[in-house]
Amino acid sequence: MDTYIDLKDVRLTGCASVSLIALVAAESVWGTINDWRGGSSSWSFLAIVLVVPAGVAFLLWFRGVTHNAEAIALHGVRTMSQVWRASDPVQREVPFEQRVASPLIRPWQWAFLAMVLSDVLESLLLDTPLYVVFSTLSAACALVAAGLVGLLIFQVSLMQQRFAQPRRDPG
């Protein structure tokens, strides 16, 4: 007998999230390059404007994958680590508490936090020589965070898609 878990399709919100996050990171780099050349801070404003739709798309994706992860694992799921542990088909037979999350999650979280802190310091140091230093650090952290979260989004979406496929029940 085939079993089927009815899951939300998270591919569209995942692709939208990755695209918008990549756009924010690219704009951050472009704004930093303009800062090096003494350009205007309007590029920084554009990054802030792009962060809102990227954040909304990511939250919609995350809402879908947490719903799916709860349906897969029959366990309360609230964090990215729990989503990974619930969604990983390789660990399907391992008790939930003993499953291992992706090693990419912590570096992504730290890179994102470093980006936000650099952005705050960049804003506070707007008319000083340190502005360009923190602008550059923020752009580098944005690239790392965007790359890592993009990988995580695609991996979780693919893992959950495997659960949406009918599979043979051994019983």
N, C-alpha and C. Protein backbone atom coordinates (compact mmCIF):
# COMPACT_ATOMS: atom_id res chain seq x y z
N MET A 1 0.84 -1.18 0.00
CA MET A 1 0.00 0.00 0.00
C MET A 1 0.88 1.24 0.00
N ASP A 2 0.50 2.23 -0.78
CA ASP A 2 1.25 3.49 -0.84
C ASP A 2 0.77 4.42 0.26
N THR A 3 1.72 5.15 0.86
CA THR A 3 1.37 6.19 1.83
C THR A 3 1.68 7.54 1.20
N TYR A 4 0.92 8.52 1.56
CA TYR A 4 1.10 9.85 0.99
C TYR A 4 0.86 10.87 2.10
N ILE A 5 1.80 11.79 2.24
CA ILE A 5 1.66 12.86 3.22
C ILE A 5 1.29 14.12 2.44
N ASP A 6 0.16 14.72 2.76
CA ASP A 6 -0.29 15.92 2.06
C ASP A 6 0.51 17.12 2.56
N LEU A 7 1.43 17.60 1.73
CA LEU A 7 2.31 18.70 2.11
C LEU A 7 2.05 19.91 1.23
N LYS A 8 2.31 21.09 1.79
CA LYS A 8 2.24 22.33 1.02
C LYS A 8 3.43 22.35 0.07
N ASP A 9 3.21 22.86 -1.12
CA ASP A 9 4.30 23.01 -2.08
C ASP A 9 5.04 24.30 -1.74
N VAL A 10 6.28 24.17 -1.29
CA VAL A 10 7.06 25.32 -0.83
C VAL A 10 8.09 25.77 -1.86
N ARG A 11 8.05 25.18 -3.04
CA ARG A 11 9.06 25.52 -4.05
C ARG A 11 8.95 26.97 -4.52
N LEU A 12 7.73 27.47 -4.73
CA LEU A 12 7.56 28.83 -5.22
C LEU A 12 8.03 29.86 -4.19
N THR A 13 7.60 29.72 -2.95
CA THR A 13 8.03 30.67 -1.92
C THR A 13 9.53 30.52 -1.64
N GLY A 14 10.05 29.30 -1.79
CA GLY A 14 11.49 29.08 -1.62
C GLY A 14 12.28 29.80 -2.71
N CYS A 15 11.85 29.65 -3.95
CA CYS A 15 12.53 30.33 -5.07
C CYS A 15 12.42 31.85 -4.94
N ALA A 16 11.24 32.32 -4.55
CA ALA A 16 11.06 33.77 -4.37
C ALA A 16 11.97 34.27 -3.25
N SER A 17 12.06 33.52 -2.16
CA SER A 17 12.92 33.90 -1.04
C SER A 17 14.37 33.98 -1.48
N VAL A 18 14.85 32.93 -2.13
CA VAL A 18 16.25 32.90 -2.55
C VAL A 18 16.53 34.04 -3.53
N SER A 19 15.62 34.27 -4.46
CA SER A 19 15.82 35.35 -5.44
C SER A 19 15.89 36.71 -4.78
N LEU A 20 14.95 36.98 -3.88
CA LEU A 20 14.94 38.29 -3.21
C LEU A 20 16.12 38.46 -2.27
N ILE A 21 16.49 37.40 -1.57
CA ILE A 21 17.65 37.47 -0.67
C ILE A 21 18.92 37.70 -1.48
N ALA A 22 19.05 37.03 -2.62
CA ALA A 22 20.22 37.24 -3.49
C ALA A 22 20.24 38.67 -4.02
N LEU A 23 19.07 39.21 -4.33
CA LEU A 23 18.99 40.60 -4.80
C LEU A 23 19.43 41.57 -3.70
N VAL A 24 19.02 41.32 -2.47
CA VAL A 24 19.45 42.16 -1.35
C VAL A 24 20.96 42.09 -1.18
N ALA A 25 21.52 40.89 -1.25
CA ALA A 25 22.97 40.73 -1.10
C ALA A 25 23.71 41.43 -2.24
N ALA A 26 23.23 41.27 -3.47
CA ALA A 26 23.87 41.92 -4.62
C ALA A 26 23.80 43.44 -4.49
N GLU A 27 22.65 43.94 -4.05
CA GLU A 27 22.51 45.38 -3.87
C GLU A 27 23.42 45.88 -2.76
N SER A 28 23.59 45.07 -1.73
CA SER A 28 24.49 45.44 -0.64
C SER A 28 25.93 45.57 -1.14
N VAL A 29 26.33 44.65 -1.98
CA VAL A 29 27.68 44.71 -2.56
C VAL A 29 27.80 45.93 -3.46
N TRP A 30 26.79 46.15 -4.31
CA TRP A 30 26.82 47.32 -5.20
C TRP A 30 26.87 48.62 -4.40
N GLY A 31 26.08 48.70 -3.34
CA GLY A 31 26.10 49.89 -2.50
C GLY A 31 27.45 50.11 -1.85
N THR A 32 28.10 49.02 -1.45
CA THR A 32 29.42 49.12 -0.84
C THR A 32 30.46 49.60 -1.85
N ILE A 33 30.37 49.08 -3.07
CA ILE A 33 31.29 49.53 -4.11
C ILE A 33 31.10 51.03 -4.37
N ASN A 34 29.86 51.48 -4.37
CA ASN A 34 29.59 52.92 -4.51
C ASN A 34 30.14 53.71 -3.32
N ASP A 35 30.06 53.12 -2.11
CA ASP A 35 30.62 53.78 -0.94
C ASP A 35 32.13 53.97 -1.09
N TRP A 36 32.81 52.97 -1.64
CA TRP A 36 34.26 53.07 -1.85
C TRP A 36 34.60 54.22 -2.78
N ARG A 37 33.70 54.47 -3.72
CA ARG A 37 33.93 55.53 -4.71
C ARG A 37 33.37 56.87 -4.25
N GLY A 38 32.84 56.92 -3.05
CA GLY A 38 32.26 58.16 -2.54
C GLY A 38 30.87 58.43 -3.07
N GLY A 39 30.15 57.37 -3.42
CA GLY A 39 28.80 57.50 -3.97
C GLY A 39 27.78 57.84 -2.91
N SER A 40 26.53 57.87 -3.34
CA SER A 40 25.45 58.26 -2.42
C SER A 40 24.97 57.08 -1.60
N SER A 41 24.30 57.40 -0.52
CA SER A 41 23.78 56.36 0.36
C SER A 41 22.39 55.88 -0.08
N SER A 42 21.92 56.32 -1.25
CA SER A 42 20.61 55.87 -1.72
C SER A 42 20.60 54.38 -2.00
N TRP A 43 21.77 53.80 -2.31
CA TRP A 43 21.84 52.36 -2.51
C TRP A 43 21.55 51.63 -1.21
N SER A 44 21.98 52.18 -0.09
CA SER A 44 21.69 51.56 1.20
C SER A 44 20.19 51.59 1.47
N PHE A 45 19.54 52.67 1.07
CA PHE A 45 18.09 52.76 1.24
C PHE A 45 17.39 51.70 0.41
N LEU A 46 17.88 51.48 -0.80
CA LEU A 46 17.29 50.45 -1.67
C LEU A 46 17.41 49.07 -1.02
N ALA A 47 18.52 48.80 -0.37
CA ALA A 47 18.69 47.51 0.32
C ALA A 47 17.65 47.35 1.42
N ILE A 48 17.40 48.42 2.15
CA ILE A 48 16.40 48.37 3.23
C ILE A 48 15.02 48.10 2.65
N VAL A 49 14.72 48.74 1.51
CA VAL A 49 13.43 48.53 0.86
C VAL A 49 13.29 47.09 0.37
N LEU A 50 14.36 46.49 -0.14
CA LEU A 50 14.32 45.12 -0.64
C LEU A 50 14.27 44.08 0.48
N VAL A 51 14.76 44.44 1.66
CA VAL A 51 14.76 43.50 2.78
C VAL A 51 13.34 43.12 3.18
N VAL A 52 12.41 44.05 3.09
CA VAL A 52 11.03 43.78 3.52
C VAL A 52 10.40 42.67 2.69
N PRO A 53 10.37 42.77 1.34
CA PRO A 53 9.77 41.65 0.59
C PRO A 53 10.56 40.35 0.74
N ALA A 54 11.89 40.44 0.87
CA ALA A 54 12.68 39.23 1.08
C ALA A 54 12.31 38.57 2.40
N GLY A 55 12.14 39.38 3.44
CA GLY A 55 11.73 38.84 4.74
C GLY A 55 10.35 38.23 4.71
N VAL A 56 9.42 38.88 4.01
CA VAL A 56 8.05 38.35 3.90
C VAL A 56 8.07 37.02 3.15
N ALA A 57 8.80 36.97 2.04
CA ALA A 57 8.88 35.72 1.26
C ALA A 57 9.50 34.61 2.10
N PHE A 58 10.56 34.93 2.85
CA PHE A 58 11.18 33.91 3.70
C PHE A 58 10.21 33.43 4.78
N LEU A 59 9.48 34.36 5.39
CA LEU A 59 8.52 33.96 6.43
C LEU A 59 7.40 33.09 5.86
N LEU A 60 6.94 33.39 4.66
CA LEU A 60 5.93 32.55 4.02
C LEU A 60 6.49 31.15 3.73
N TRP A 61 7.73 31.10 3.24
CA TRP A 61 8.37 29.81 3.01
C TRP A 61 8.53 29.05 4.33
N PHE A 62 9.00 29.74 5.36
CA PHE A 62 9.24 29.09 6.65
C PHE A 62 7.93 28.58 7.26
N ARG A 63 6.88 29.35 7.09
CA ARG A 63 5.57 28.91 7.58
C ARG A 63 5.15 27.61 6.89
N GLY A 64 5.36 27.54 5.59
CA GLY A 64 5.02 26.32 4.84
C GLY A 64 5.86 25.13 5.24
N VAL A 65 7.17 25.34 5.40
CA VAL A 65 8.03 24.19 5.75
C VAL A 65 7.81 23.74 7.19
N THR A 66 7.46 24.65 8.09
CA THR A 66 7.17 24.19 9.47
C THR A 66 5.87 23.38 9.48
N HIS A 67 4.88 23.82 8.70
CA HIS A 67 3.64 23.03 8.58
C HIS A 67 3.97 21.62 8.05
N ASN A 68 4.77 21.57 6.98
CA ASN A 68 5.15 20.29 6.40
C ASN A 68 5.95 19.44 7.37
N ALA A 69 6.89 20.05 8.06
CA ALA A 69 7.74 19.31 8.99
C ALA A 69 6.92 18.71 10.12
N GLU A 70 5.93 19.44 10.60
CA GLU A 70 5.05 18.89 11.64
C GLU A 70 4.24 17.71 11.09
N ALA A 71 3.80 17.79 9.85
CA ALA A 71 3.05 16.68 9.24
C ALA A 71 3.95 15.46 9.03
N ILE A 72 5.20 15.70 8.70
CA ILE A 72 6.14 14.61 8.46
C ILE A 72 6.54 13.94 9.78
N ALA A 73 6.93 14.75 10.75
CA ALA A 73 7.50 14.22 12.00
C ALA A 73 6.48 13.99 13.10
N LEU A 74 5.27 14.53 12.92
CA LEU A 74 4.25 14.46 13.98
C LEU A 74 4.84 14.95 15.29
N HIS A 75 5.50 16.08 15.21
CA HIS A 75 6.24 16.64 16.35
C HIS A 75 6.17 18.16 16.23
N GLY A 76 6.12 18.87 17.34
CA GLY A 76 6.12 20.33 17.30
C GLY A 76 7.41 20.86 16.69
N VAL A 77 7.29 21.67 15.65
CA VAL A 77 8.46 22.19 14.95
C VAL A 77 8.36 23.71 14.91
N ARG A 78 9.40 24.39 15.39
CA ARG A 78 9.38 25.86 15.42
C ARG A 78 10.66 26.51 14.90
N THR A 79 11.77 25.79 14.89
CA THR A 79 13.04 26.38 14.50
C THR A 79 13.57 25.73 13.22
N MET A 80 14.56 26.38 12.60
CA MET A 80 15.15 25.83 11.38
C MET A 80 15.81 24.47 11.66
N SER A 81 16.44 24.33 12.81
CA SER A 81 17.05 23.04 13.16
C SER A 81 16.00 21.94 13.24
N GLN A 82 14.87 22.25 13.84
CA GLN A 82 13.80 21.26 13.95
C GLN A 82 13.20 20.95 12.58
N VAL A 83 13.06 21.96 11.74
CA VAL A 83 12.56 21.74 10.38
C VAL A 83 13.48 20.77 9.65
N TRP A 84 14.78 21.01 9.75
CA TRP A 84 15.75 20.14 9.09
C TRP A 84 15.63 18.72 9.62
N ARG A 85 15.63 18.58 10.94
CA ARG A 85 15.58 17.24 11.55
C ARG A 85 14.30 16.50 11.15
N ALA A 86 13.19 17.21 11.05
CA ALA A 86 11.93 16.57 10.67
C ALA A 86 11.90 16.23 9.18
N SER A 87 12.56 17.02 8.36
CA SER A 87 12.45 16.90 6.91
C SER A 87 13.46 15.95 6.28
N ASP A 88 14.50 15.60 6.99
CA ASP A 88 15.59 14.81 6.43
C ASP A 88 15.16 13.35 6.27
N PRO A 89 14.96 12.87 5.04
CA PRO A 89 14.52 11.49 4.86
C PRO A 89 15.57 10.46 5.25
N VAL A 90 16.84 10.85 5.25
CA VAL A 90 17.90 9.93 5.65
C VAL A 90 17.77 9.56 7.13
N GLN A 91 17.25 10.49 7.93
CA GLN A 91 17.13 10.26 9.37
C GLN A 91 15.72 9.83 9.77
N ARG A 92 14.94 9.40 8.83
CA ARG A 92 13.53 9.07 9.07
C ARG A 92 13.34 8.05 10.18
N GLU A 93 14.20 7.06 10.27
CA GLU A 93 14.05 5.99 11.26
C GLU A 93 14.69 6.32 12.61
N VAL A 94 15.40 7.45 12.69
CA VAL A 94 16.05 7.87 13.93
C VAL A 94 15.04 8.63 14.78
N PRO A 95 14.98 8.37 16.11
CA PRO A 95 14.07 9.16 16.95
C PRO A 95 14.34 10.66 16.78
N PHE A 96 13.28 11.46 16.78
CA PHE A 96 13.38 12.89 16.47
C PHE A 96 14.44 13.58 17.32
N GLU A 97 14.47 13.30 18.61
CA GLU A 97 15.40 13.98 19.51
C GLU A 97 16.86 13.66 19.19
N GLN A 98 17.11 12.55 18.51
CA GLN A 98 18.48 12.14 18.20
C GLN A 98 18.91 12.55 16.78
N ARG A 99 18.01 13.10 16.02
CA ARG A 99 18.36 13.52 14.66
C ARG A 99 19.30 14.72 14.70
N VAL A 100 20.09 14.85 13.67
CA VAL A 100 21.10 15.90 13.58
C VAL A 100 20.66 16.93 12.54
N ALA A 101 20.81 18.19 12.89
CA ALA A 101 20.48 19.29 11.97
C ALA A 101 21.66 19.58 11.06
N SER A 102 21.42 20.33 10.02
CA SER A 102 22.47 20.71 9.07
C SER A 102 23.55 21.54 9.76
N PRO A 103 24.80 21.30 9.43
CA PRO A 103 25.88 22.13 9.99
C PRO A 103 25.90 23.54 9.40
N LEU A 104 25.07 23.82 8.40
CA LEU A 104 25.03 25.15 7.79
C LEU A 104 24.16 26.14 8.56
N ILE A 105 23.32 25.63 9.46
CA ILE A 105 22.35 26.50 10.12
C ILE A 105 23.03 27.53 11.02
N ARG A 106 23.91 27.09 11.89
CA ARG A 106 24.59 28.04 12.80
C ARG A 106 25.41 29.09 12.06
N PRO A 107 26.25 28.69 11.08
CA PRO A 107 27.00 29.72 10.34
C PRO A 107 26.08 30.73 9.65
N TRP A 108 24.95 30.26 9.11
CA TRP A 108 24.00 31.19 8.49
C TRP A 108 23.47 32.17 9.53
N GLN A 109 23.08 31.68 10.70
CA GLN A 109 22.55 32.55 11.74
C GLN A 109 23.60 33.56 12.21
N TRP A 110 24.84 33.12 12.39
CA TRP A 110 25.90 34.02 12.82
C TRP A 110 26.23 35.06 11.75
N ALA A 111 26.24 34.65 10.48
CA ALA A 111 26.51 35.59 9.39
C ALA A 111 25.39 36.63 9.30
N PHE A 112 24.15 36.19 9.47
CA PHE A 112 23.03 37.12 9.43
C PHE A 112 23.12 38.11 10.59
N LEU A 113 23.42 37.62 11.79
CA LEU A 113 23.56 38.49 12.95
C LEU A 113 24.71 39.49 12.75
N ALA A 114 25.83 39.02 12.22
CA ALA A 114 26.97 39.91 11.97
C ALA A 114 26.61 40.97 10.93
N MET A 115 25.81 40.59 9.93
CA MET A 115 25.36 41.55 8.93
C MET A 115 24.49 42.64 9.56
N VAL A 116 23.55 42.23 10.41
CA VAL A 116 22.66 43.20 11.05
C VAL A 116 23.46 44.14 11.96
N LEU A 117 24.36 43.59 12.75
CA LEU A 117 25.18 44.43 13.64
C LEU A 117 26.06 45.38 12.84
N SER A 118 26.63 44.90 11.74
CA SER A 118 27.44 45.77 10.88
C SER A 118 26.60 46.88 10.27
N ASP A 119 25.37 46.54 9.89
CA ASP A 119 24.46 47.56 9.34
C ASP A 119 24.17 48.65 10.37
N VAL A 120 23.94 48.23 11.62
CA VAL A 120 23.66 49.19 12.68
C VAL A 120 24.87 50.10 12.89
N LEU A 121 26.06 49.50 12.99
CA LEU A 121 27.27 50.31 13.18
C LEU A 121 27.55 51.20 11.97
N GLU A 122 27.27 50.67 10.79
CA GLU A 122 27.43 51.46 9.56
C GLU A 122 26.55 52.71 9.62
N SER A 123 25.32 52.54 10.06
CA SER A 123 24.40 53.68 10.15
C SER A 123 24.84 54.69 11.21
N LEU A 124 25.37 54.19 12.32
CA LEU A 124 25.82 55.09 13.39
C LEU A 124 27.09 55.85 13.01
N LEU A 125 27.89 55.29 12.12
CA LEU A 125 29.17 55.88 11.75
C LEU A 125 29.14 56.50 10.36
N LEU A 126 27.99 57.01 9.95
CA LEU A 126 27.75 57.46 8.58
C LEU A 126 28.78 58.47 8.07
N ASP A 127 29.18 59.43 8.85
CA ASP A 127 30.09 60.47 8.36
C ASP A 127 31.51 60.30 8.87
N THR A 128 31.90 59.08 9.15
CA THR A 128 33.25 58.82 9.65
C THR A 128 33.98 57.89 8.68
N PRO A 129 35.31 57.80 8.82
CA PRO A 129 36.06 56.88 7.95
C PRO A 129 35.70 55.40 8.20
N LEU A 130 35.20 55.08 9.38
CA LEU A 130 34.84 53.69 9.68
C LEU A 130 33.57 53.24 8.96
N TYR A 131 32.84 54.19 8.40
CA TYR A 131 31.61 53.84 7.69
C TYR A 131 31.88 52.81 6.59
N VAL A 132 32.91 53.04 5.79
CA VAL A 132 33.22 52.14 4.67
C VAL A 132 33.66 50.78 5.18
N VAL A 133 34.33 50.74 6.31
CA VAL A 133 34.76 49.46 6.89
C VAL A 133 33.53 48.62 7.25
N PHE A 134 32.58 49.21 7.95
CA PHE A 134 31.40 48.46 8.35
C PHE A 134 30.46 48.19 7.18
N SER A 135 30.47 49.07 6.20
CA SER A 135 29.70 48.84 4.99
C SER A 135 30.25 47.62 4.25
N THR A 136 31.56 47.51 4.17
CA THR A 136 32.21 46.37 3.53
C THR A 136 31.96 45.09 4.31
N LEU A 137 32.09 45.16 5.63
CA LEU A 137 31.83 43.99 6.47
C LEU A 137 30.38 43.54 6.34
N SER A 138 29.47 44.47 6.29
CA SER A 138 28.05 44.15 6.13
C SER A 138 27.79 43.46 4.80
N ALA A 139 28.41 43.96 3.73
CA ALA A 139 28.22 43.36 2.41
C ALA A 139 28.79 41.94 2.37
N ALA A 140 29.96 41.74 2.98
CA ALA A 140 30.56 40.40 3.02
C ALA A 140 29.66 39.44 3.80
N CYS A 141 29.18 39.88 4.94
CA CYS A 141 28.28 39.05 5.74
C CYS A 141 26.97 38.78 5.02
N ALA A 142 26.48 39.75 4.26
CA ALA A 142 25.24 39.56 3.49
C ALA A 142 25.44 38.49 2.43
N LEU A 143 26.59 38.50 1.77
CA LEU A 143 26.86 37.46 0.76
C LEU A 143 26.93 36.07 1.38
N VAL A 144 27.62 35.96 2.51
CA VAL A 144 27.73 34.67 3.18
C VAL A 144 26.36 34.20 3.67
N ALA A 145 25.63 35.08 4.34
CA ALA A 145 24.30 34.72 4.86
C ALA A 145 23.36 34.35 3.73
N ALA A 146 23.38 35.10 2.63
CA ALA A 146 22.49 34.81 1.50
C ALA A 146 22.83 33.47 0.87
N GLY A 147 24.11 33.19 0.72
CA GLY A 147 24.51 31.90 0.15
C GLY A 147 24.09 30.73 1.02
N LEU A 148 24.32 30.86 2.32
CA LEU A 148 23.98 29.77 3.24
C LEU A 148 22.47 29.55 3.33
N VAL A 149 21.71 30.63 3.45
CA VAL A 149 20.25 30.46 3.56
C VAL A 149 19.69 29.95 2.23
N GLY A 150 20.27 30.36 1.12
CA GLY A 150 19.83 29.83 -0.17
C GLY A 150 20.01 28.32 -0.24
N LEU A 151 21.17 27.85 0.20
CA LEU A 151 21.41 26.39 0.25
C LEU A 151 20.41 25.70 1.17
N LEU A 152 20.18 26.26 2.32
CA LEU A 152 19.24 25.67 3.27
C LEU A 152 17.82 25.62 2.71
N ILE A 153 17.40 26.70 2.09
CA ILE A 153 16.05 26.75 1.52
C ILE A 153 15.89 25.68 0.45
N PHE A 154 16.85 25.57 -0.45
CA PHE A 154 16.74 24.57 -1.51
C PHE A 154 16.81 23.15 -0.95
N GLN A 155 17.69 22.90 0.01
CA GLN A 155 17.82 21.56 0.57
C GLN A 155 16.56 21.14 1.31
N VAL A 156 16.02 22.01 2.16
CA VAL A 156 14.81 21.67 2.90
C VAL A 156 13.64 21.47 1.94
N SER A 157 13.51 22.35 0.95
CA SER A 157 12.42 22.22 -0.02
C SER A 157 12.51 20.90 -0.77
N LEU A 158 13.72 20.51 -1.18
CA LEU A 158 13.90 19.24 -1.88
C LEU A 158 13.62 18.05 -0.96
N MET A 159 14.09 18.10 0.27
CA MET A 159 13.83 17.00 1.21
C MET A 159 12.33 16.83 1.43
N GLN A 160 11.62 17.94 1.60
CA GLN A 160 10.19 17.84 1.84
C GLN A 160 9.45 17.36 0.59
N GLN A 161 9.96 17.71 -0.57
CA GLN A 161 9.34 17.24 -1.81
C GLN A 161 9.40 15.72 -1.90
N ARG A 162 10.46 15.12 -1.39
CA ARG A 162 10.58 13.65 -1.39
C ARG A 162 9.46 13.02 -0.56
N PHE A 163 9.07 13.67 0.53
CA PHE A 163 8.01 13.14 1.37
C PHE A 163 6.64 13.28 0.71
N ALA A 164 6.51 14.21 -0.23
CA ALA A 164 5.23 14.41 -0.90
C ALA A 164 4.97 13.33 -1.95
N GLN A 165 6.01 12.58 -2.31
CA GLN A 165 5.86 11.52 -3.29
C GLN A 165 5.30 10.27 -2.62
N PRO A 166 4.37 9.58 -3.27
CA PRO A 166 3.90 8.31 -2.70
C PRO A 166 5.05 7.33 -2.57
N ARG A 167 5.06 6.56 -1.50
CA ARG A 167 6.09 5.54 -1.32
C ARG A 167 5.44 4.28 -0.80
N ARG A 168 6.10 3.20 -1.02
CA ARG A 168 5.60 1.90 -0.61
C ARG A 168 5.64 1.76 0.89
N ASP A 169 4.52 1.33 1.45
CA ASP A 169 4.45 1.04 2.89
C ASP A 169 4.92 -0.40 3.08
N PRO A 170 5.96 -0.62 3.93
CA PRO A 170 6.51 -1.98 4.08
C PRO A 170 5.52 -2.97 4.67
N GLY A 171 4.41 -2.49 5.25
CA GLY A 171 3.48 -3.38 5.94
C GLY A 171 2.47 -3.98 5.10
